[in-house]
Amino acid sequence: MMYSNLSKIKPKLRTSGQITGNFGKTKVKAGSNLSDLGMSTKDNIKVVRKSDYITRLYKAFDTTTDPKLKKFCYTEIKKYLIQTNQWKAN
């Protein structure tokens, strides 16, 4: 007859590693990494007026050959014109 010694195996207590309350994940500080998004340490922040931005978009649209940039400029100009009720659909 063969005897098994399974009854003699003792479960190992967890005596090593970090003690956490997050089901094995190391403890994390509360809050979001994105909470300071938009904050700046600069003293002077230059804000561009919409009219200047649209002028720059028109200039970029006319001078670029990049199709992605052309599409971006077109959609931004279109959004602005729709907002100001200046958009005339064909």
N, C-alpha and C. Protein backbone atom coordinates (compact mmCIF):
# COMPACT_ATOMS: atom_id res chain seq x y z
N MET A 1 0.82 -1.17 0.00
CA MET A 1 0.00 0.00 0.00
C MET A 1 0.87 1.24 0.00
N MET A 2 0.43 2.25 -0.75
CA MET A 2 1.17 3.49 -0.80
C MET A 2 0.48 4.53 0.06
N TYR A 3 1.26 5.18 0.87
CA TYR A 3 0.70 6.21 1.73
C TYR A 3 1.07 7.58 1.17
N SER A 4 0.14 8.44 1.26
CA SER A 4 0.36 9.80 0.78
C SER A 4 0.70 10.69 1.97
N ASN A 5 1.56 11.60 1.78
CA ASN A 5 1.88 12.51 2.87
C ASN A 5 1.26 13.90 2.62
N LEU A 6 0.12 13.94 1.88
CA LEU A 6 -0.57 15.20 1.65
C LEU A 6 -1.06 15.83 2.94
N SER A 7 -1.40 15.01 3.89
CA SER A 7 -1.90 15.54 5.15
C SER A 7 -0.81 16.23 5.96
N LYS A 8 0.43 16.01 5.58
CA LYS A 8 1.52 16.59 6.34
C LYS A 8 2.01 17.92 5.75
N ILE A 9 1.45 18.32 4.57
CA ILE A 9 1.85 19.58 3.96
C ILE A 9 1.14 20.72 4.68
N LYS A 10 1.92 21.67 5.16
CA LYS A 10 1.34 22.81 5.86
C LYS A 10 1.28 23.99 4.90
N PRO A 11 0.19 24.73 4.92
CA PRO A 11 0.13 25.92 4.07
C PRO A 11 1.15 26.96 4.53
N LYS A 12 1.82 27.58 3.58
CA LYS A 12 2.84 28.56 3.91
C LYS A 12 2.16 29.89 4.23
N LEU A 13 2.55 30.46 5.35
CA LEU A 13 2.03 31.77 5.69
C LEU A 13 2.76 32.82 4.87
N ARG A 14 2.04 33.87 4.55
CA ARG A 14 2.66 34.94 3.76
C ARG A 14 3.51 35.79 4.70
N THR A 15 4.79 35.58 4.61
CA THR A 15 5.69 36.31 5.50
C THR A 15 6.66 37.18 4.73
N SER A 16 6.54 37.21 3.41
CA SER A 16 7.44 38.04 2.62
C SER A 16 6.63 38.88 1.65
N GLY A 17 7.23 39.92 1.12
CA GLY A 17 6.55 40.80 0.18
C GLY A 17 5.87 41.96 0.88
N GLN A 18 5.27 42.82 0.08
CA GLN A 18 4.61 44.00 0.64
C GLN A 18 3.25 43.65 1.20
N ILE A 19 2.89 44.34 2.25
CA ILE A 19 1.56 44.17 2.81
C ILE A 19 0.69 45.26 2.19
N THR A 20 -0.32 44.84 1.47
CA THR A 20 -1.17 45.81 0.78
C THR A 20 -2.62 45.57 1.13
N GLY A 21 -3.41 46.59 0.95
CA GLY A 21 -4.84 46.45 1.15
C GLY A 21 -5.58 46.48 -0.17
N ASN A 22 -4.84 46.45 -1.26
CA ASN A 22 -5.44 46.57 -2.59
C ASN A 22 -5.36 45.26 -3.36
N PHE A 23 -5.57 44.17 -2.71
CA PHE A 23 -5.59 42.84 -3.35
C PHE A 23 -4.32 42.58 -4.14
N GLY A 24 -3.18 42.85 -3.53
CA GLY A 24 -1.91 42.53 -4.17
C GLY A 24 -1.28 43.68 -4.92
N LYS A 25 -2.07 44.71 -5.25
CA LYS A 25 -1.50 45.86 -5.95
C LYS A 25 -0.88 46.79 -4.91
N THR A 26 0.27 47.35 -5.24
CA THR A 26 0.89 48.24 -4.28
C THR A 26 0.01 49.46 -4.06
N LYS A 27 0.09 50.03 -2.87
CA LYS A 27 -0.79 51.14 -2.52
C LYS A 27 -0.50 52.35 -3.40
N VAL A 28 -1.56 53.04 -3.75
CA VAL A 28 -1.47 54.18 -4.64
C VAL A 28 -2.01 55.41 -3.92
N LYS A 29 -1.40 56.53 -4.18
CA LYS A 29 -1.91 57.78 -3.60
C LYS A 29 -3.25 58.12 -4.25
N ALA A 30 -4.10 58.76 -3.48
CA ALA A 30 -5.40 59.17 -4.00
C ALA A 30 -5.24 60.30 -4.99
N GLY A 31 -6.17 60.42 -5.89
CA GLY A 31 -6.14 61.51 -6.87
C GLY A 31 -5.75 61.00 -8.24
N SER A 32 -5.83 61.88 -9.18
CA SER A 32 -5.56 61.53 -10.57
C SER A 32 -4.26 62.17 -11.04
N ASN A 33 -3.61 61.51 -11.98
CA ASN A 33 -2.42 62.10 -12.59
C ASN A 33 -2.80 63.28 -13.46
N LEU A 34 -4.06 63.34 -13.87
CA LEU A 34 -4.51 64.39 -14.77
C LEU A 34 -5.06 65.60 -14.02
N SER A 35 -5.00 65.59 -12.70
CA SER A 35 -5.61 66.68 -11.93
C SER A 35 -4.93 68.02 -12.17
N ASP A 36 -3.65 68.01 -12.51
CA ASP A 36 -2.96 69.28 -12.75
C ASP A 36 -2.83 69.60 -14.23
N LEU A 37 -3.63 68.94 -15.05
CA LEU A 37 -3.62 69.19 -16.49
C LEU A 37 -4.11 70.61 -16.76
N GLY A 38 -3.39 71.35 -17.55
CA GLY A 38 -3.77 72.72 -17.85
C GLY A 38 -3.12 73.74 -16.93
N MET A 39 -2.50 73.29 -15.87
CA MET A 39 -1.82 74.21 -14.98
C MET A 39 -0.43 74.51 -15.57
N SER A 40 0.03 75.72 -15.34
CA SER A 40 1.31 76.11 -15.90
C SER A 40 2.15 76.80 -14.84
N THR A 41 3.45 76.68 -14.98
CA THR A 41 4.36 77.37 -14.07
C THR A 41 4.91 78.63 -14.72
N LYS A 42 4.47 78.92 -15.95
CA LYS A 42 4.93 80.11 -16.66
C LYS A 42 4.33 81.36 -16.04
N ASP A 43 5.10 82.45 -16.05
CA ASP A 43 4.59 83.73 -15.55
C ASP A 43 3.69 84.41 -16.59
N ASN A 44 4.10 84.35 -17.84
CA ASN A 44 3.33 84.97 -18.92
C ASN A 44 2.81 83.90 -19.86
N ILE A 45 1.52 83.86 -20.02
CA ILE A 45 0.91 82.92 -20.96
C ILE A 45 0.25 83.74 -22.06
N LYS A 46 0.66 83.50 -23.29
CA LYS A 46 0.13 84.26 -24.42
C LYS A 46 -1.11 83.54 -24.95
N VAL A 47 -2.22 84.25 -24.93
CA VAL A 47 -3.47 83.70 -25.43
C VAL A 47 -3.73 84.30 -26.80
N VAL A 48 -3.99 83.44 -27.78
CA VAL A 48 -4.21 83.90 -29.15
C VAL A 48 -5.69 84.19 -29.34
N ARG A 49 -5.98 85.34 -29.94
CA ARG A 49 -7.37 85.67 -30.26
C ARG A 49 -7.87 84.78 -31.38
N LYS A 50 -9.19 84.58 -31.42
CA LYS A 50 -9.76 83.70 -32.45
C LYS A 50 -9.47 84.23 -33.85
N SER A 51 -9.56 85.52 -34.02
CA SER A 51 -9.33 86.10 -35.35
C SER A 51 -7.89 85.83 -35.82
N ASP A 52 -6.93 85.93 -34.90
CA ASP A 52 -5.53 85.63 -35.26
C ASP A 52 -5.36 84.15 -35.59
N TYR A 53 -6.04 83.30 -34.81
CA TYR A 53 -5.96 81.86 -35.03
C TYR A 53 -6.53 81.50 -36.40
N ILE A 54 -7.67 82.08 -36.76
CA ILE A 54 -8.28 81.79 -38.05
C ILE A 54 -7.40 82.29 -39.18
N THR A 55 -6.79 83.46 -39.01
CA THR A 55 -5.88 83.99 -40.02
C THR A 55 -4.71 83.04 -40.24
N ARG A 56 -4.16 82.52 -39.13
CA ARG A 56 -3.06 81.56 -39.24
C ARG A 56 -3.50 80.26 -39.92
N LEU A 57 -4.74 79.84 -39.64
CA LEU A 57 -5.26 78.63 -40.28
C LEU A 57 -5.39 78.82 -41.79
N TYR A 58 -5.93 79.98 -42.22
CA TYR A 58 -6.04 80.27 -43.65
C TYR A 58 -4.67 80.26 -44.32
N LYS A 59 -3.70 80.89 -43.65
CA LYS A 59 -2.34 80.97 -44.19
C LYS A 59 -1.73 79.57 -44.32
N ALA A 60 -1.91 78.75 -43.27
CA ALA A 60 -1.38 77.38 -43.31
C ALA A 60 -2.07 76.56 -44.40
N PHE A 61 -3.38 76.75 -44.54
CA PHE A 61 -4.14 76.00 -45.56
C PHE A 61 -3.64 76.34 -46.96
N ASP A 62 -3.34 77.62 -47.19
CA ASP A 62 -2.89 78.06 -48.52
C ASP A 62 -1.45 77.64 -48.83
N THR A 63 -0.61 77.51 -47.81
CA THR A 63 0.81 77.25 -48.09
C THR A 63 1.21 75.78 -47.98
N THR A 64 0.45 74.95 -47.28
CA THR A 64 0.89 73.57 -47.05
C THR A 64 0.53 72.64 -48.21
N THR A 65 1.29 71.56 -48.31
CA THR A 65 0.96 70.50 -49.26
C THR A 65 0.57 69.22 -48.54
N ASP A 66 0.64 69.26 -47.21
CA ASP A 66 0.31 68.08 -46.40
C ASP A 66 -1.21 67.92 -46.33
N PRO A 67 -1.74 66.79 -46.80
CA PRO A 67 -3.20 66.61 -46.81
C PRO A 67 -3.82 66.57 -45.41
N LYS A 68 -3.09 66.03 -44.43
CA LYS A 68 -3.64 65.99 -43.07
C LYS A 68 -3.77 67.40 -42.49
N LEU A 69 -2.75 68.23 -42.72
CA LEU A 69 -2.80 69.61 -42.22
C LEU A 69 -3.89 70.40 -42.93
N LYS A 70 -4.04 70.18 -44.26
CA LYS A 70 -5.11 70.85 -45.01
C LYS A 70 -6.47 70.48 -44.45
N LYS A 71 -6.68 69.20 -44.17
CA LYS A 71 -7.96 68.74 -43.65
C LYS A 71 -8.22 69.35 -42.27
N PHE A 72 -7.18 69.39 -41.41
CA PHE A 72 -7.33 69.97 -40.08
C PHE A 72 -7.71 71.45 -40.18
N CYS A 73 -6.98 72.20 -41.01
CA CYS A 73 -7.27 73.63 -41.18
C CYS A 73 -8.68 73.83 -41.69
N TYR A 74 -9.07 73.04 -42.67
CA TYR A 74 -10.42 73.17 -43.25
C TYR A 74 -11.50 72.93 -42.21
N THR A 75 -11.35 71.86 -41.41
CA THR A 75 -12.39 71.55 -40.42
C THR A 75 -12.42 72.61 -39.31
N GLU A 76 -11.27 73.15 -38.91
CA GLU A 76 -11.25 74.19 -37.88
C GLU A 76 -11.88 75.48 -38.40
N ILE A 77 -11.56 75.85 -39.64
CA ILE A 77 -12.16 77.05 -40.23
C ILE A 77 -13.67 76.87 -40.38
N LYS A 78 -14.06 75.68 -40.81
CA LYS A 78 -15.50 75.39 -40.97
C LYS A 78 -16.22 75.49 -39.63
N LYS A 79 -15.62 74.93 -38.56
CA LYS A 79 -16.24 75.03 -37.23
C LYS A 79 -16.42 76.48 -36.82
N TYR A 80 -15.40 77.29 -37.07
CA TYR A 80 -15.46 78.70 -36.71
C TYR A 80 -16.57 79.41 -37.50
N LEU A 81 -16.64 79.15 -38.80
CA LEU A 81 -17.63 79.82 -39.63
C LEU A 81 -19.05 79.38 -39.29
N ILE A 82 -19.22 78.11 -38.91
CA ILE A 82 -20.54 77.63 -38.48
C ILE A 82 -20.94 78.30 -37.17
N GLN A 83 -19.99 78.44 -36.25
CA GLN A 83 -20.25 79.10 -34.97
C GLN A 83 -20.69 80.54 -35.15
N THR A 84 -20.09 81.22 -36.10
CA THR A 84 -20.38 82.64 -36.31
C THR A 84 -21.45 82.85 -37.37
N ASN A 85 -22.11 81.80 -37.78
CA ASN A 85 -23.19 81.84 -38.80
C ASN A 85 -22.72 82.45 -40.12
N GLN A 86 -21.48 82.18 -40.50
CA GLN A 86 -20.95 82.66 -41.76
C GLN A 86 -20.78 81.54 -42.77
N TRP A 87 -21.11 80.32 -42.38
CA TRP A 87 -20.91 79.16 -43.26
C TRP A 87 -22.01 79.09 -44.28
N LYS A 88 -21.62 79.00 -45.54
CA LYS A 88 -22.58 78.87 -46.62
C LYS A 88 -22.34 77.54 -47.29
N ALA A 89 -23.27 76.60 -47.08
CA ALA A 89 -23.13 75.26 -47.67
C ALA A 89 -23.45 75.33 -49.15
N ASN A 90 -22.74 74.51 -49.94
CA ASN A 90 -22.97 74.49 -51.39
C ASN A 90 -24.25 73.79 -51.73
